[in-house]
C-alpha atoms as a PDB file:
ATOM      1  CA  MET A   1      19.782  12.405  -2.592  1.00  0.00           C
ATOM      2  CA  ASN A   2      17.315  10.055  -0.300  1.00  0.00           C
ATOM      3  CA  LEU A   3      17.006  10.574   3.034  1.00  0.00           C
ATOM      4  CA  PRO A   4      18.534   7.483   4.840  1.00  0.00           C
ATOM      5  CA  ASN A   5      16.427   5.476   6.447  1.00  0.00           C
ATOM      6  CA  ASN A   6      18.231   3.124   8.432  1.00  0.00           C
ATOM      7  CA  ASP A   7      17.412   5.071  11.743  1.00  0.00           C
ATOM      8  CA  PHE A   8      14.012   4.503  11.314  1.00  0.00           C
ATOM      9  CA  GLN A   9      13.225   0.568  11.918  1.00  0.00           C
ATOM     10  CA  PHE A  10       9.445   0.625   9.938  1.00  0.00           C
ATOM     11  CA  SER A  11       9.613  -3.425  10.695  1.00  0.00           C
ATOM     12  CA  THR A  12       9.529  -3.242  14.631  1.00  0.00           C
ATOM     13  CA  LEU A  13       6.122  -1.099  13.982  1.00  0.00           C
ATOM     14  CA  LEU A  14       3.933  -3.862  13.459  1.00  0.00           C
ATOM     15  CA  SER A  15       5.206  -6.712  15.638  1.00  0.00           C
ATOM     16  CA  PRO A  16       2.522  -9.971  15.504  1.00  0.00           C
ATOM     17  CA  ILE A  17       1.170  -9.335  18.877  1.00  0.00           C
ATOM     18  CA  LYS A  18       0.831  -5.553  17.473  1.00  0.00           C
ATOM     19  CA  SER A  19      -0.388  -7.066  14.447  1.00  0.00           C
ATOM     20  CA  ASP A  20      -3.275  -9.161  15.619  1.00  0.00           C
ATOM     21  CA  ALA A  21      -4.226  -6.041  18.857  1.00  0.00           C
ATOM     22  CA  LEU A  22      -4.641  -4.187  15.356  1.00  0.00           C
ATOM     23  CA  ARG A  23      -6.896  -6.302  13.517  1.00  0.00           C
ATOM     24  CA  GLN A  24      -8.996  -7.421  16.008  1.00  0.00           C
ATOM     25  CA  HIS A  25      -9.536  -3.611  16.755  1.00  0.00           C
ATOM     26  CA  LEU A  26     -10.338  -2.599  12.921  1.00  0.00           C
ATOM     27  CA  GLU A  27     -12.511  -5.920  13.564  1.00  0.00           C
ATOM     28  CA  GLN A  28     -14.602  -3.942  16.364  1.00  0.00           C
ATOM     29  CA  LEU A  29     -14.445  -0.974  14.292  1.00  0.00           C
ATOM     30  CA  SER A  30     -15.869  -2.093  11.536  1.00  0.00           C
ATOM     31  CA  VAL A  31     -19.075  -3.567  13.779  1.00  0.00           C
ATOM     32  CA  TYR A  32     -19.641  -0.397  14.874  1.00  0.00           C
ATOM     33  CA  THR A  33     -19.276   1.542  11.734  1.00  0.00           C
ATOM     34  CA  ASN A  34     -20.330   1.421   8.241  1.00  0.00           C
ATOM     35  CA  ASP A  35     -17.122   1.521   6.826  1.00  0.00           C
ATOM     36  CA  ILE A  36     -17.484  -2.070   5.385  1.00  0.00           C
ATOM     37  CA  SER A  37     -20.315  -2.621   3.555  1.00  0.00           C
ATOM     38  CA  THR A  38     -22.575  -5.855   3.901  1.00  0.00           C
ATOM     39  CA  ASP A  39     -21.285  -6.601  -0.079  1.00  0.00           C
ATOM     40  CA  ALA A  40     -17.887  -6.462   1.047  1.00  0.00           C
ATOM     41  CA  SER A  41     -17.949  -8.163   4.641  1.00  0.00           C
ATOM     42  CA  ILE A  42     -19.500 -11.350   2.460  1.00  0.00           C
ATOM     43  CA  THR A  43     -16.791 -11.539  -0.040  1.00  0.00           C
ATOM     44  CA  ILE A  44     -14.408 -11.010   2.494  1.00  0.00           C
ATOM     45  CA  LYS A  45     -15.746 -14.117   4.903  1.00  0.00           C
ATOM     46  CA  GLN A  46     -16.002 -15.953   1.365  1.00  0.00           C
ATOM     47  CA  ASN A  47     -12.678 -15.813  -0.317  1.00  0.00           C
ATOM     48  CA  LEU A  48     -10.697 -15.324   3.361  1.00  0.00           C
ATOM     49  CA  SER A  49      -9.676 -18.964   3.238  1.00  0.00           C
ATOM     50  CA  LEU A  50      -8.502 -19.307  -0.149  1.00  0.00           C
ATOM     51  CA  TRP A  51      -6.799 -16.111  -0.176  1.00  0.00           C
ATOM     52  CA  LYS A  52      -4.335 -17.536   3.153  1.00  0.00           C
ATOM     53  CA  GLN A  53      -3.770 -20.375   1.538  1.00  0.00           C
ATOM     54  CA  GLN A  54      -2.567 -18.501  -1.560  1.00  0.00           C
ATOM     55  CA  TRP A  55      -0.593 -15.852   0.278  1.00  0.00           C
ATOM     56  CA  PHE A  56       1.388 -18.776   2.264  1.00  0.00           C
ATOM     57  CA  MET A  57       2.276 -20.267  -0.577  1.00  0.00           C
ATOM     58  CA  LEU A  58       3.324 -17.657  -2.399  1.00  0.00           C
ATOM     59  CA  SER A  59       5.397 -16.040   0.486  1.00  0.00           C
ATOM     60  CA  THR A  60       7.285 -19.327   1.316  1.00  0.00           C
ATOM     61  CA  GLU A  61       7.948 -19.723  -2.681  1.00  0.00           C
ATOM     62  CA  ARG A  62       9.036 -16.123  -2.200  1.00  0.00           C
ATOM     63  CA  ASP A  63      11.301 -16.731   0.920  1.00  0.00           C
ATOM     64  CA  GLU A  64      13.387 -19.838  -1.243  1.00  0.00           C
ATOM     65  CA  PHE A  65      14.034 -17.539  -4.207  1.00  0.00           C
ATOM     66  CA  VAL A  66      15.186 -15.163  -1.937  1.00  0.00           C
ATOM     67  CA  ALA A  67      17.767 -17.459  -0.275  1.00  0.00           C
ATOM     68  CA  ASP A  68      19.135 -18.853  -3.639  1.00  0.00           C
ATOM     69  CA  ASP A  69      20.762 -15.663  -4.930  1.00  0.00           C
ATOM     70  CA  ASN A  70      22.083 -17.386  -7.915  1.00  0.00           C
ATOM     71  CA  ASN A  71      20.975 -16.486 -11.857  1.00  0.00           C
ATOM     72  CA  GLU A  72      18.277 -18.996 -11.533  1.00  0.00           C
ATOM     73  CA  GLY A  73      16.990 -17.908  -8.161  1.00  0.00           C
ATOM     74  CA  LEU A  74      16.718 -13.909  -9.537  1.00  0.00           C
ATOM     75  CA  ALA A  75      14.617 -15.204 -12.525  1.00  0.00           C
ATOM     76  CA  LEU A  76      12.426 -17.098 -10.280  1.00  0.00           C
ATOM     77  CA  LEU A  77      11.803 -14.407  -7.767  1.00  0.00           C
ATOM     78  CA  GLU A  78      10.802 -12.045 -10.278  1.00  0.00           C
ATOM     79  CA  ASP A  79       8.754 -14.493 -12.103  1.00  0.00           C
ATOM     80  CA  SER A  80       7.467 -14.675  -8.187  1.00  0.00           C
ATOM     81  CA  GLU A  81       7.154 -11.018  -7.848  1.00  0.00           C
ATOM     82  CA  LYS A  82       4.821 -10.946 -10.495  1.00  0.00           C
ATOM     83  CA  THR A  83       2.281 -14.080  -9.334  1.00  0.00           C
ATOM     84  CA  SER A  84       2.179 -11.704  -6.305  1.00  0.00           C
ATOM     85  CA  THR A  85       1.299  -8.852  -7.887  1.00  0.00           C
ATOM     86  CA  ASN A  86      -1.650 -10.705  -9.843  1.00  0.00           C
ATOM     87  CA  TRP A  87      -2.706 -11.898  -6.708  1.00  0.00           C
ATOM     88  CA  LEU A  88      -2.979  -8.683  -5.172  1.00  0.00           C
ATOM     89  CA  ILE A  89      -4.803  -7.179  -8.261  1.00  0.00           C
ATOM     90  CA  ARG A  90      -7.185  -9.875  -7.812  1.00  0.00           C
ATOM     91  CA  LEU A  91      -7.614  -9.574  -4.307  1.00  0.00           C
ATOM     92  CA  PHE A  92      -8.163  -5.558  -4.582  1.00  0.00           C
ATOM     93  CA  ASN A  93     -10.810  -5.911  -7.391  1.00  0.00           C
ATOM     94  CA  THR A  94     -12.461  -8.217  -5.880  1.00  0.00           C
ATOM     95  CA  LEU A  95     -12.607  -6.786  -1.879  1.00  0.00           C
ATOM     96  CA  PHE A  96     -13.526  -3.423  -3.805  1.00  0.00           C
ATOM     97  CA  SER A  97     -16.088  -4.550  -6.308  1.00  0.00           C
ATOM     98  CA  ASP A  98     -18.784  -2.397  -5.051  1.00  0.00           C
ATOM     99  CA  LYS A  99     -16.379   0.539  -5.484  1.00  0.00           C
ATOM    100  CA  HIS A 100     -16.810   0.938  -9.365  1.00  0.00           C
ATOM    101  CA  VAL A 101     -12.976   0.804  -9.060  1.00  0.00           C
ATOM    102  CA  ILE A 102     -10.335  -1.647 -10.632  1.00  0.00           C
ATOM    103  CA  LEU A 103      -6.343  -1.648 -10.100  1.00  0.00           C
ATOM    104  CA  ALA A 104      -4.161  -3.038 -13.231  1.00  0.00           C
ATOM    105  CA  ARG A 105      -0.620  -2.645 -14.350  1.00  0.00           C
ATOM    106  CA  SER A 106       0.462   0.342 -16.128  1.00  0.00           C
ATOM    107  CA  ASN A 107       3.262   0.012 -18.733  1.00  0.00           C
ATOM    108  CA  GLY A 108       4.741   2.902 -17.908  1.00  0.00           C
ATOM    109  CA  GLU A 109       4.159   5.750 -14.796  1.00  0.00           C
ATOM    110  CA  PRO A 110       1.715   5.491 -12.330  1.00  0.00           C
ATOM    111  CA  GLU A 111      -1.921   7.105 -13.343  1.00  0.00           C
ATOM    112  CA  TYR A 112      -5.453   7.217 -12.167  1.00  0.00           C
ATOM    113  CA  PHE A 113      -8.180   7.558 -14.138  1.00  0.00           C
ATOM    114  CA  PRO A 114     -11.469   8.420 -12.927  1.00  0.00           C
ATOM    115  CA  ALA A 115     -14.637   6.407 -13.719  1.00  0.00           C
ATOM    116  CA  VAL A 116     -16.527   7.129 -16.990  1.00  0.00           C
ATOM    117  CA  GLY A 117     -20.186   6.426 -17.312  1.00  0.00           C
ATOM    118  CA  HIS A 118     -20.475   2.127 -17.207  1.00  0.00           C
ATOM    119  CA  GLU A 119     -16.262   2.164 -17.113  1.00  0.00           C
ATOM    120  CA  PRO A 120     -14.891   1.844 -13.528  1.00  0.00           C
ATOM    121  CA  ALA A 121     -12.016   3.793 -12.629  1.00  0.00           C
ATOM    122  CA  ARG A 122      -8.783   2.790 -12.830  1.00  0.00           C
ATOM    123  CA  ILE A 123      -5.868   2.790 -10.723  1.00  0.00           C
ATOM    124  CA  GLU A 124      -2.694   1.840 -13.250  1.00  0.00           C
ATOM    125  CA  PHE A 125       0.967   1.135 -10.679  1.00  0.00           C
ATOM    126  CA  ALA A 126       3.997   1.601 -12.417  1.00  0.00           C
ATOM    127  CA  HIS A 127       5.761  -1.241 -14.673  1.00  0.00           C
ATOM    128  CA  GLY A 128       3.772  -4.015 -12.498  1.00  0.00           C
ATOM    129  CA  TYR A 129       5.920  -3.908  -9.465  1.00  0.00           C
ATOM    130  CA  PHE A 130       4.005  -5.005  -6.410  1.00  0.00           C
ATOM    131  CA  ALA A 131       5.011  -2.071  -4.144  1.00  0.00           C
ATOM    132  CA  SER A 132       3.899   0.329  -6.529  1.00  0.00           C
ATOM    133  CA  ALA A 133       0.559  -1.136  -6.299  1.00  0.00           C
ATOM    134  CA  LEU A 134       0.620  -0.740  -2.640  1.00  0.00           C
ATOM    135  CA  HIS A 135       1.717   2.963  -3.150  1.00  0.00           C
ATOM    136  CA  GLU A 136      -0.832   3.921  -5.753  1.00  0.00           C
ATOM    137  CA  ILE A 137      -3.754   1.833  -3.342  1.00  0.00           C
ATOM    138  CA  SER A 138      -2.546   4.149  -0.783  1.00  0.00           C
ATOM    139  CA  HIS A 139      -3.202   7.173  -2.389  1.00  0.00           C
ATOM    140  CA  TRP A 140      -6.378   6.064  -3.479  1.00  0.00           C
ATOM    141  CA  CYS A 141      -7.392   5.675   0.099  1.00  0.00           C
ATOM    142  CA  VAL A 142      -6.691   8.852   1.350  1.00  0.00           C
ATOM    143  CA  ALA A 143      -8.070  10.624  -1.649  1.00  0.00           C
ATOM    144  CA  GLY A 144     -11.577  10.280  -0.759  1.00  0.00           C
ATOM    145  CA  ASP A 145     -14.598  10.448  -2.786  1.00  0.00           C
ATOM    146  CA  ALA A 146     -14.497  13.807  -3.995  1.00  0.00           C
ATOM    147  CA  ARG A 147     -11.132  13.723  -5.333  1.00  0.00           C
ATOM    148  CA  ARG A 148     -11.475   9.972  -6.758  1.00  0.00           C
ATOM    149  CA  GLU A 149     -13.861  11.956  -9.502  1.00  0.00           C
ATOM    150  CA  LEU A 150     -10.912  13.519 -10.569  1.00  0.00           C
ATOM    151  CA  PRO A 151      -7.745  12.989 -12.805  1.00  0.00           C
ATOM    152  CA  ASP A 152      -4.853  12.049 -10.742  1.00  0.00           C
ATOM    153  CA  PHE A 153      -7.022  12.601  -7.222  1.00  0.00           C
ATOM    154  CA  GLY A 154      -6.658  16.261  -8.796  1.00  0.00           C
ATOM    155  CA  TYR A 155      -3.219  16.431  -7.084  1.00  0.00           C
ATOM    156  CA  TRP A 156      -0.379  18.816  -8.736  1.00  0.00           C
ATOM    157  CA  TYR A 157       3.089  16.235  -9.407  1.00  0.00           C
ATOM    158  CA  ALA A 158       6.049  17.617 -10.458  1.00  0.00           C
ATOM    159  CA  PRO A 159       8.826  14.915 -11.724  1.00  0.00           C
ATOM    160  CA  ASP A 160      12.233  13.624  -9.978  1.00  0.00           C
ATOM    161  CA  GLY A 161      14.594  17.421 -10.385  1.00  0.00           C
ATOM    162  CA  ARG A 162      12.054  19.272  -8.512  1.00  0.00           C
ATOM    163  CA  SER A 163      13.023  22.303  -6.530  1.00  0.00           C
ATOM    164  CA  ALA A 164      13.603  22.819  -2.950  1.00  0.00           C
ATOM    165  CA  ALA A 165       9.928  24.075  -2.700  1.00  0.00           C
ATOM    166  CA  GLN A 166       8.427  21.602  -4.796  1.00  0.00           C
ATOM    167  CA  GLN A 167      10.274  18.840  -2.889  1.00  0.00           C
ATOM    168  CA  GLN A 168       8.773  20.278   0.214  1.00  0.00           C
ATOM    169  CA  ALA A 169       5.432  20.646  -1.022  1.00  0.00           C
ATOM    170  CA  PHE A 170       5.670  16.429  -2.207  1.00  0.00           C
ATOM    171  CA  GLU A 171       6.943  15.535   1.003  1.00  0.00           C
ATOM    172  CA  ARG A 172       3.895  17.204   2.829  1.00  0.00           C
ATOM    173  CA  VAL A 173       1.114  15.253   0.839  1.00  0.00           C
ATOM    174  CA  GLU A 174       3.261  12.003   0.694  1.00  0.00           C
ATOM    175  CA  ILE A 175       3.566  11.514   4.269  1.00  0.00           C
ATOM    176  CA  LYS A 176      -0.183   9.680   4.752  1.00  0.00           C
ATOM    177  CA  PRO A 177      -0.077   7.855   1.704  1.00  0.00           C
ATOM    178  CA  GLN A 178       3.281   6.629   2.199  1.00  0.00           C
ATOM    179  CA  ALA A 179       2.351   5.552   5.698  1.00  0.00           C
ATOM    180  CA  LEU A 180      -0.589   3.549   4.772  1.00  0.00           C
ATOM    181  CA  GLU A 181       1.448   1.988   2.187  1.00  0.00           C
ATOM    182  CA  CYS A 182       4.126   1.105   5.029  1.00  0.00           C
ATOM    183  CA  LEU A 183       1.190  -0.417   7.129  1.00  0.00           C
ATOM    184  CA  PHE A 184      -0.145  -2.748   3.864  1.00  0.00           C
ATOM    185  CA  THR A 185       3.936  -3.389   3.249  1.00  0.00           C
ATOM    186  CA  LEU A 186       4.236  -4.906   6.617  1.00  0.00           C
ATOM    187  CA  ALA A 187       1.113  -6.473   6.959  1.00  0.00           C
ATOM    188  CA  CYS A 188       2.440  -8.522   3.668  1.00  0.00           C
ATOM    189  CA  GLY A 189       5.465  -9.203   5.803  1.00  0.00           C
ATOM    190  CA  ARG A 190       7.644  -7.149   3.467  1.00  0.00           C
ATOM    191  CA  HIS A 191      10.259  -4.127   4.083  1.00  0.00           C
ATOM    192  CA  PHE A 192       9.109  -0.891   3.878  1.00  0.00           C
ATOM    193  CA  ARG A 193      11.442   1.789   2.932  1.00  0.00           C
ATOM    194  CA  VAL A 194      10.187   5.621   2.968  1.00  0.00           C
ATOM    195  CA  SER A 195      10.569   7.116  -0.915  1.00  0.00           C
ATOM    196  CA  GLN A 196      11.631  11.259  -1.085  1.00  0.00           C
ATOM    197  CA  ASP A 197      11.141  10.494  -5.210  1.00  0.00           C
ATOM    198  CA  ASN A 198      14.184  12.692  -5.961  1.00  0.00           C
ATOM    199  CA  LEU A 199      16.981  10.892  -7.001  1.00  0.00           C
ATOM    200  CA  SER A 200      18.051  13.993  -9.360  1.00  0.00           C
ATOM    201  CA  ALA A 201      17.907  16.733  -6.595  1.00  0.00           C
ATOM    202  CA  ASP A 202      20.965  18.777  -6.385  1.00  0.00           C
ATOM    203  CA  PHE A 203      20.019  20.402  -2.817  1.00  0.00           C
ATOM    204  CA  ASP A 204      20.925  19.389   0.489  1.00  0.00           C
ATOM    205  CA  THR A 205      18.148  17.094   2.237  1.00  0.00           C
ATOM    206  CA  SER A 206      19.901  15.994   5.106  1.00  0.00           C
ATOM    207  CA  GLY A 207      17.662  18.222   7.191  1.00  0.00           C
ATOM    208  CA  SER A 208      14.285  16.579   5.926  1.00  0.00           C
ATOM    209  CA  THR A 209      12.026  15.223   8.584  1.00  0.00           C
ATOM    210  CA  PHE A 210      10.187  13.321   6.064  1.00  0.00           C
ATOM    211  CA  ALA A 211      11.600   9.538   7.368  1.00  0.00           C
ATOM    212  CA  LEU A 212      10.313  10.755  10.935  1.00  0.00           C
ATOM    213  CA  ASP A 213       6.721  12.481   9.548  1.00  0.00           C
ATOM    214  CA  VAL A 214       6.014   9.130   8.036  1.00  0.00           C
ATOM    215  CA  TYR A 215       7.464   6.873  11.082  1.00  0.00           C
ATOM    216  CA  ASN A 216       5.325   9.028  13.638  1.00  0.00           C
ATOM    217  CA  GLN A 217       2.223   8.815  11.194  1.00  0.00           C
ATOM    218  CA  VAL A 218       2.170   5.138  10.879  1.00  0.00           C
ATOM    219  CA  GLU A 219       2.829   4.956  14.798  1.00  0.00           C
ATOM    220  CA  ASN A 220      -0.488   7.391  14.826  1.00  0.00           C
ATOM    221  CA  TYR A 221      -2.381   4.862  12.533  1.00  0.00           C
ATOM    222  CA  ILE A 222      -1.656   1.788  15.015  1.00  0.00           C
ATOM    223  CA  ALA A 223      -2.712   3.614  18.270  1.00  0.00           C
ATOM    224  CA  LYS A 224      -5.776   5.208  16.483  1.00  0.00           C
ATOM    225  CA  PRO A 225      -7.142   2.775  14.329  1.00  0.00           C
ATOM    226  CA  HIS A 226     -10.079   4.960  13.571  1.00  0.00           C
ATOM    227  CA  THR A 227      -8.469   7.824  12.348  1.00  0.00           C
ATOM    228  CA  LEU A 228      -7.602   5.158   9.139  1.00  0.00           C
ATOM    229  CA  PRO A 229      -9.600   6.192   5.681  1.00  0.00           C
ATOM    230  CA  ARG A 230     -12.292   4.228   5.337  1.00  0.00           C
ATOM    231  CA  ASP A 231     -11.088   1.885   2.634  1.00  0.00           C
ATOM    232  CA  ALA A 232      -7.419   1.784   4.288  1.00  0.00           C
ATOM    233  CA  LYS A 233      -9.665  -0.064   7.340  1.00  0.00           C
ATOM    234  CA  THR A 234     -10.939  -2.736   4.762  1.00  0.00           C
ATOM    235  CA  LEU A 235      -7.712  -3.474   3.045  1.00  0.00           C
ATOM    236  CA  LEU A 236      -5.150  -3.363   5.918  1.00  0.00           C
ATOM    237  CA  HIS A 237      -7.914  -5.834   8.065  1.00  0.00           C
ATOM    238  CA  THR A 238      -7.828  -8.349   5.236  1.00  0.00           C
ATOM    239  CA  LEU A 239      -3.975  -8.374   4.546  1.00  0.00           C
ATOM    240  CA  LEU A 240      -3.409  -8.430   8.607  1.00  0.00           C
ATOM    241  CA  SER A 241      -6.321 -11.615   8.404  1.00  0.00           C
ATOM    242  CA  VAL A 242      -4.540 -12.958   5.344  1.00  0.00           C
ATOM    243  CA  CYS A 243      -0.989 -12.496   5.314  1.00  0.00           C
ATOM    244  CA  VAL A 244       0.270 -12.336   8.657  1.00  0.00           C
ATOM    245  CA  THR A 245       1.020 -15.397  10.618  1.00  0.00           C
ATOM    246  CA  GLY A 246       2.764 -16.368  14.020  1.00  0.00           C
END
């Protein structure tokens, strides 16, 4: 049973005015900190215009397919999602080329593989979904350097069907990743929904505060962007610069 999210208007958290203010704040932070390397800054400047142009075309096309809800429109929307996901993969792999990591599709479930020798680390996201890519990127951002040396960041994970105690443990470690995912999703102009990942739960989840906890964490990140993980600042600043219009 998933917690209803209708009471939490995540889409209102990042209005165009707030988006621009957050982008400017992140830009100022990058000047006074070493969060964004010189190479990454050069990469962003070299690709920003191209990324903006590509995203504008993709999002305009996607809006047209969403409005066209017949079978042809749905098929075109699916193709558009694949193209958008390819775009996100290229952006991430270019943006973090100095981090020895790549974002890649998985044929099955998501998994993180640390770097081995000259082989870069791999962030594999589920079934090629755009939303899954943002979610797995969020875990990578939260993990930090030490956990990035461990398979799946060294996290415990139990699949859907976990006990009430396991569900509580799952939700505790998911607050910050899903808050980052929310920010990345909203920056891309998309709708965000909290996931408790417990469709098979046989216990009452109505008392869970997970959605509220994620909402509050997003608000906290917006109010205090200096608390964002280092690489989350880089990606969020880029997405706000590229994807937000108006």
